[in-house]
Amino acid sequence: LPKEVDLHQVIVLPKAEWERIQDSLGSTTREAACILAEKKEREEMHLRSKAAVKDWPNTIMGLAQRKLKAKQLREEREEEERKLLDLEEEQFQARKRKEAIDRAKTYLYYQNERVKGLHSALLLAEVLKERDAQVEFKKLKSDANKKKDEEKEHERKEAILREQEEAHQHYINQQALRRDQLEQ
């Protein structure tokens, strides 16, 4: 013992008494530890229960989660559709702008005097070419009609000659028949 310790203040305890005191002090710590362990075990059981119930489809939380997930999927799909429509609209507008620019460039090009002159010369050449084709067609048609008329006239003359020859042959046959009858 240290020298400054007053021996009248020191109490000597038997071993059994000392262990009882130690046990009573340790029991409060043990009780606190036990309470803490029970609390922790309840929390773990609660978490396991929540984890098990989480995937059940027929619970209120499961229904809410399904609705939330369906809503998220619907919103994502709608967002994708909006993006696609926006992209199509942008491409359509770009095509319209390009077509308008091309029309304007073409219009300005044709307003140039040299191009106007060339264009009118080309048009005149096409008109003259078409007129020549029409004249040629008219001539061919006239020639074809003339040839057809000549063929018809030739056929008519041949028919007249055949009729005359047949009439002459008929006349000769009639004369021969009369002669034969007179001879009898």
C-alpha atoms as a PDB file:
ATOM      1  CA  LEU A   1       0.000   0.000   0.000  1.00  0.00           C
ATOM      2  CA  PRO A   2       1.232   3.526  -0.476  1.00  0.00           C
ATOM      3  CA  LYS A   3       2.499   5.374   2.610  1.00  0.00           C
ATOM      4  CA  GLU A   4      -0.059   8.175   2.563  1.00  0.00           C
ATOM      5  CA  VAL A   5      -3.009   5.811   2.854  1.00  0.00           C
ATOM      6  CA  ASP A   6      -4.782   5.920   6.191  1.00  0.00           C
ATOM      7  CA  LEU A   7      -5.233   2.386   7.330  1.00  0.00           C
ATOM      8  CA  HIS A   8      -8.359   3.343   9.293  1.00  0.00           C
ATOM      9  CA  GLN A   9      -9.983   4.220   5.983  1.00  0.00           C
ATOM     10  CA  VAL A  10      -9.120   0.886   4.387  1.00  0.00           C
ATOM     11  CA  ILE A  11     -11.643  -1.903   4.563  1.00  0.00           C
ATOM     12  CA  VAL A  12     -10.638  -5.468   4.005  1.00  0.00           C
ATOM     13  CA  LEU A  13     -13.346  -7.531   2.361  1.00  0.00           C
ATOM     14  CA  PRO A  14     -13.567 -11.246   2.190  1.00  0.00           C
ATOM     15  CA  LYS A  15     -13.273 -12.802  -1.242  1.00  0.00           C
ATOM     16  CA  ALA A  16     -16.933 -13.805  -1.475  1.00  0.00           C
ATOM     17  CA  GLU A  17     -18.049 -10.255  -0.596  1.00  0.00           C
ATOM     18  CA  TRP A  18     -15.648  -8.826  -3.191  1.00  0.00           C
ATOM     19  CA  GLU A  19     -17.025 -11.115  -5.909  1.00  0.00           C
ATOM     20  CA  ARG A  20     -20.615 -10.219  -4.993  1.00  0.00           C
ATOM     21  CA  ILE A  21     -19.813  -6.501  -5.355  1.00  0.00           C
ATOM     22  CA  GLN A  22     -18.037  -7.184  -8.652  1.00  0.00           C
ATOM     23  CA  ASP A  23     -21.057  -9.170  -9.850  1.00  0.00           C
ATOM     24  CA  SER A  24     -23.510  -6.420  -8.904  1.00  0.00           C
ATOM     25  CA  LEU A  25     -21.410  -3.808 -10.721  1.00  0.00           C
ATOM     26  CA  GLY A  26     -20.982  -6.102 -13.716  1.00  0.00           C
ATOM     27  CA  SER A  27     -24.677  -6.908 -13.809  1.00  0.00           C
ATOM     28  CA  THR A  28     -25.610  -3.319 -14.685  1.00  0.00           C
ATOM     29  CA  THR A  29     -23.121  -3.377 -17.539  1.00  0.00           C
ATOM     30  CA  ARG A  30     -24.324  -6.826 -18.512  1.00  0.00           C
ATOM     31  CA  GLU A  31     -27.945  -5.646 -18.389  1.00  0.00           C
ATOM     32  CA  ALA A  32     -27.074  -2.636 -20.548  1.00  0.00           C
ATOM     33  CA  ALA A  33     -25.206  -4.892 -22.976  1.00  0.00           C
ATOM     34  CA  CYS A  34     -28.120  -7.339 -22.997  1.00  0.00           C
ATOM     35  CA  ILE A  35     -30.624  -4.526 -23.657  1.00  0.00           C
ATOM     36  CA  LEU A  36     -28.371  -3.218 -26.439  1.00  0.00           C
ATOM     37  CA  ALA A  37     -28.086  -6.717 -27.957  1.00  0.00           C
ATOM     38  CA  GLU A  38     -31.879  -7.194 -27.827  1.00  0.00           C
ATOM     39  CA  LYS A  39     -32.432  -3.805 -29.454  1.00  0.00           C
ATOM     40  CA  LYS A  40     -29.906  -4.636 -32.180  1.00  0.00           C
ATOM     41  CA  GLU A  41     -31.520  -8.046 -32.734  1.00  0.00           C
ATOM     42  CA  ARG A  42     -34.984  -6.421 -33.039  1.00  0.00           C
ATOM     43  CA  GLU A  43     -33.639  -3.924 -35.586  1.00  0.00           C
ATOM     44  CA  GLU A  44     -32.010  -6.725 -37.591  1.00  0.00           C
ATOM     45  CA  MET A  45     -35.241  -8.732 -37.481  1.00  0.00           C
ATOM     46  CA  HIS A  46     -37.176  -5.637 -38.599  1.00  0.00           C
ATOM     47  CA  LEU A  47     -34.758  -5.111 -41.512  1.00  0.00           C
ATOM     48  CA  ARG A  48     -34.977  -8.804 -42.498  1.00  0.00           C
ATOM     49  CA  SER A  49     -38.760  -8.577 -42.343  1.00  0.00           C
ATOM     50  CA  LYS A  50     -38.763  -5.450 -44.528  1.00  0.00           C
ATOM     51  CA  ALA A  51     -36.383  -7.132 -46.979  1.00  0.00           C
ATOM     52  CA  ALA A  52     -38.610 -10.216 -47.185  1.00  0.00           C
ATOM     53  CA  VAL A  53     -41.805  -8.161 -47.582  1.00  0.00           C
ATOM     54  CA  LYS A  54     -40.221  -5.794 -50.100  1.00  0.00           C
ATOM     55  CA  ASP A  55     -40.661  -8.257 -52.989  1.00  0.00           C
ATOM     56  CA  TRP A  56     -44.193  -9.307 -52.069  1.00  0.00           C
ATOM     57  CA  PRO A  57     -46.560  -7.994 -54.752  1.00  0.00           C
ATOM     58  CA  ASN A  58     -49.709  -7.981 -52.614  1.00  0.00           C
ATOM     59  CA  THR A  59     -48.594  -5.467 -49.971  1.00  0.00           C
ATOM     60  CA  ILE A  60     -49.382  -1.765 -49.867  1.00  0.00           C
ATOM     61  CA  MET A  61     -45.693  -0.925 -50.196  1.00  0.00           C
ATOM     62  CA  GLY A  62     -45.330  -3.402 -53.088  1.00  0.00           C
ATOM     63  CA  LEU A  63     -48.312  -1.844 -54.862  1.00  0.00           C
ATOM     64  CA  ALA A  64     -46.921   1.646 -54.319  1.00  0.00           C
ATOM     65  CA  GLN A  65     -43.519   0.561 -55.630  1.00  0.00           C
ATOM     66  CA  ARG A  66     -45.079  -1.038 -58.710  1.00  0.00           C
ATOM     67  CA  LYS A  67     -47.080   2.117 -59.412  1.00  0.00           C
ATOM     68  CA  LEU A  68     -43.978   4.252 -58.951  1.00  0.00           C
ATOM     69  CA  LYS A  69     -41.925   2.014 -61.231  1.00  0.00           C
ATOM     70  CA  ALA A  70     -44.691   1.966 -63.873  1.00  0.00           C
ATOM     71  CA  LYS A  71     -44.903   5.759 -63.706  1.00  0.00           C
ATOM     72  CA  GLN A  72     -41.130   6.073 -64.117  1.00  0.00           C
ATOM     73  CA  LEU A  73     -41.147   3.699 -67.107  1.00  0.00           C
ATOM     74  CA  ARG A  74     -44.067   5.575 -68.694  1.00  0.00           C
ATOM     75  CA  GLU A  75     -42.324   8.925 -68.193  1.00  0.00           C
ATOM     76  CA  GLU A  76     -39.080   7.556 -69.665  1.00  0.00           C
ATOM     77  CA  ARG A  77     -40.966   6.169 -72.681  1.00  0.00           C
ATOM     78  CA  GLU A  78     -42.818   9.466 -73.180  1.00  0.00           C
ATOM     79  CA  GLU A  79     -39.533  11.355 -72.923  1.00  0.00           C
ATOM     80  CA  GLU A  80     -37.977   9.092 -75.585  1.00  0.00           C
ATOM     81  CA  GLU A  81     -41.006   9.624 -77.844  1.00  0.00           C
ATOM     82  CA  ARG A  82     -40.774  13.398 -77.334  1.00  0.00           C
ATOM     83  CA  LYS A  83     -37.072  13.320 -78.196  1.00  0.00           C
ATOM     84  CA  LEU A  84     -37.791  11.281 -81.324  1.00  0.00           C
ATOM     85  CA  LEU A  85     -40.575  13.664 -82.394  1.00  0.00           C
ATOM     86  CA  ASP A  86     -38.332  16.655 -81.736  1.00  0.00           C
ATOM     87  CA  LEU A  87     -35.589  15.093 -83.864  1.00  0.00           C
ATOM     88  CA  GLU A  88     -38.018  14.350 -86.710  1.00  0.00           C
ATOM     89  CA  GLU A  89     -39.413  17.893 -86.535  1.00  0.00           C
ATOM     90  CA  GLU A  90     -35.905  19.334 -86.597  1.00  0.00           C
ATOM     91  CA  GLN A  91     -35.005  17.242 -89.662  1.00  0.00           C
ATOM     92  CA  PHE A  92     -38.266  18.253 -91.378  1.00  0.00           C
ATOM     93  CA  GLN A  93     -37.619  21.945 -90.710  1.00  0.00           C
ATOM     94  CA  ALA A  94     -34.036  21.584 -91.983  1.00  0.00           C
ATOM     95  CA  ARG A  95     -35.331  19.999 -95.217  1.00  0.00           C
ATOM     96  CA  LYS A  96     -37.901  22.800 -95.646  1.00  0.00           C
ATOM     97  CA  ARG A  97     -35.200  25.444 -95.129  1.00  0.00           C
ATOM     98  CA  LYS A  98     -32.912  23.727 -97.657  1.00  0.00           C
ATOM     99  CA  GLU A  99     -35.727  23.474-100.225  1.00  0.00           C
ATOM    100  CA  ALA A 100     -36.609  27.165 -99.758  1.00  0.00           C
ATOM    101  CA  ILE A 101     -32.952  28.149-100.178  1.00  0.00           C
ATOM    102  CA  ASP A 102     -32.654  25.989-103.315  1.00  0.00           C
ATOM    103  CA  ARG A 103     -35.821  27.528-104.795  1.00  0.00           C
ATOM    104  CA  ALA A 104     -34.531  31.027-104.067  1.00  0.00           C
ATOM    105  CA  LYS A 105     -31.145  30.237-105.640  1.00  0.00           C
ATOM    106  CA  THR A 106     -32.833  28.764-108.720  1.00  0.00           C
ATOM    107  CA  TYR A 107     -35.127  31.779-109.030  1.00  0.00           C
ATOM    108  CA  LEU A 108     -32.199  34.187-108.759  1.00  0.00           C
ATOM    109  CA  TYR A 109     -30.246  32.130-111.282  1.00  0.00           C
ATOM    110  CA  TYR A 110     -33.082  32.265-113.805  1.00  0.00           C
ATOM    111  CA  GLN A 111     -33.455  36.024-113.307  1.00  0.00           C
ATOM    112  CA  ASN A 112     -29.946  36.550-114.692  1.00  0.00           C
ATOM    113  CA  GLU A 113     -30.139  38.059-118.225  1.00  0.00           C
ATOM    114  CA  ARG A 114     -27.713  35.579-119.802  1.00  0.00           C
ATOM    115  CA  VAL A 115     -29.658  32.659-118.368  1.00  0.00           C
ATOM    116  CA  LYS A 116     -32.945  34.224-119.488  1.00  0.00           C
ATOM    117  CA  GLY A 117     -31.541  34.548-123.011  1.00  0.00           C
ATOM    118  CA  LEU A 118     -30.253  30.992-123.013  1.00  0.00           C
ATOM    119  CA  HIS A 119     -33.541  29.733-121.638  1.00  0.00           C
ATOM    120  CA  SER A 120     -35.574  31.540-124.295  1.00  0.00           C
ATOM    121  CA  ALA A 121     -33.206  30.280-127.030  1.00  0.00           C
ATOM    122  CA  LEU A 122     -33.606  26.708-125.777  1.00  0.00           C
ATOM    123  CA  LEU A 123     -37.363  27.140-125.676  1.00  0.00           C
ATOM    124  CA  LEU A 124     -37.381  28.533-129.234  1.00  0.00           C
ATOM    125  CA  ALA A 125     -35.224  25.627-130.429  1.00  0.00           C
ATOM    126  CA  GLU A 126     -37.610  23.136-128.845  1.00  0.00           C
ATOM    127  CA  VAL A 127     -40.634  24.896-130.369  1.00  0.00           C
ATOM    128  CA  LEU A 128     -39.031  24.883-133.839  1.00  0.00           C
ATOM    129  CA  LYS A 129     -38.072  21.231-133.454  1.00  0.00           C
ATOM    130  CA  GLU A 130     -41.637  20.365-132.436  1.00  0.00           C
ATOM    131  CA  ARG A 131     -43.004  22.369-135.385  1.00  0.00           C
ATOM    132  CA  ASP A 132     -40.686  20.528-137.799  1.00  0.00           C
ATOM    133  CA  ALA A 133     -41.847  17.226-136.335  1.00  0.00           C
ATOM    134  CA  GLN A 134     -45.487  18.284-136.806  1.00  0.00           C
ATOM    135  CA  VAL A 135     -44.861  19.311-140.437  1.00  0.00           C
ATOM    136  CA  GLU A 136     -43.070  16.006-141.108  1.00  0.00           C
ATOM    137  CA  PHE A 137     -45.928  14.087-139.491  1.00  0.00           C
ATOM    138  CA  LYS A 138     -48.486  15.977-141.570  1.00  0.00           C
ATOM    139  CA  LYS A 139     -46.514  15.217-144.748  1.00  0.00           C
ATOM    140  CA  LEU A 140     -46.222  11.524-143.850  1.00  0.00           C
ATOM    141  CA  LYS A 141     -49.932  11.408-143.055  1.00  0.00           C
ATOM    142  CA  SER A 142     -50.753  13.101-146.355  1.00  0.00           C
ATOM    143  CA  ASP A 143     -48.482  10.693-148.264  1.00  0.00           C
ATOM    144  CA  ALA A 144     -50.042   7.714-146.497  1.00  0.00           C
ATOM    145  CA  ASN A 145     -53.561   8.973-147.286  1.00  0.00           C
ATOM    146  CA  LYS A 146     -52.590   9.605-150.926  1.00  0.00           C
ATOM    147  CA  LYS A 147     -51.123   6.108-151.241  1.00  0.00           C
ATOM    148  CA  LYS A 148     -54.224   4.618-149.639  1.00  0.00           C
ATOM    149  CA  ASP A 149     -56.445   6.583-152.052  1.00  0.00           C
ATOM    150  CA  GLU A 150     -54.350   5.382-155.021  1.00  0.00           C
ATOM    151  CA  GLU A 151     -54.639   1.774-153.830  1.00  0.00           C
ATOM    152  CA  LYS A 152     -58.413   2.161-153.482  1.00  0.00           C
ATOM    153  CA  GLU A 153     -58.625   3.695-156.987  1.00  0.00           C
ATOM    154  CA  HIS A 154     -56.503   0.861-158.410  1.00  0.00           C
ATOM    155  CA  GLU A 155     -58.703  -1.741-156.677  1.00  0.00           C
ATOM    156  CA  ARG A 156     -61.839   0.020-157.992  1.00  0.00           C
ATOM    157  CA  LYS A 157     -60.477  -0.007-161.559  1.00  0.00           C
ATOM    158  CA  GLU A 158     -59.530  -3.680-161.255  1.00  0.00           C
ATOM    159  CA  ALA A 159     -63.012  -4.447-159.950  1.00  0.00           C
ATOM    160  CA  ILE A 160     -64.567  -2.585-162.909  1.00  0.00           C
ATOM    161  CA  LEU A 161     -62.331  -4.481-165.345  1.00  0.00           C
ATOM    162  CA  ARG A 162     -63.274  -7.790-163.728  1.00  0.00           C
ATOM    163  CA  GLU A 163     -66.953  -6.912-163.930  1.00  0.00           C
ATOM    164  CA  GLN A 164     -66.575  -5.921-167.591  1.00  0.00           C
ATOM    165  CA  GLU A 165     -64.707  -9.123-168.335  1.00  0.00           C
ATOM    166  CA  GLU A 166     -67.312 -11.175-166.497  1.00  0.00           C
ATOM    167  CA  ALA A 167     -70.075  -9.354-168.382  1.00  0.00           C
ATOM    168  CA  HIS A 168     -68.242  -9.962-171.679  1.00  0.00           C
ATOM    169  CA  GLN A 169     -67.717 -13.630-170.783  1.00  0.00           C
ATOM    170  CA  HIS A 170     -71.397 -13.873-169.869  1.00  0.00           C
ATOM    171  CA  TYR A 171     -72.333 -12.276-173.183  1.00  0.00           C
ATOM    172  CA  ILE A 172     -70.097 -14.739-175.100  1.00  0.00           C
ATOM    173  CA  ASN A 173     -71.602 -17.655-173.191  1.00  0.00           C
ATOM    174  CA  GLN A 174     -75.115 -16.389-173.968  1.00  0.00           C
ATOM    175  CA  GLN A 175     -74.227 -16.069-177.672  1.00  0.00           C
ATOM    176  CA  ALA A 176     -72.789 -19.587-177.733  1.00  0.00           C
ATOM    177  CA  LEU A 177     -75.892 -20.924-176.021  1.00  0.00           C
ATOM    178  CA  ARG A 178     -78.187 -19.215-178.553  1.00  0.00           C
ATOM    179  CA  ARG A 179     -76.158 -20.568-181.418  1.00  0.00           C
ATOM    180  CA  ASP A 180     -76.374 -24.044-179.983  1.00  0.00           C
ATOM    181  CA  GLN A 181     -80.108 -23.657-179.595  1.00  0.00           C
ATOM    182  CA  LEU A 182     -80.506 -22.359-183.151  1.00  0.00           C
ATOM    183  CA  GLU A 183     -78.502 -25.242-184.535  1.00  0.00           C
ATOM    184  CA  GLN A 184     -80.753 -27.734-182.897  1.00  0.00           C
END
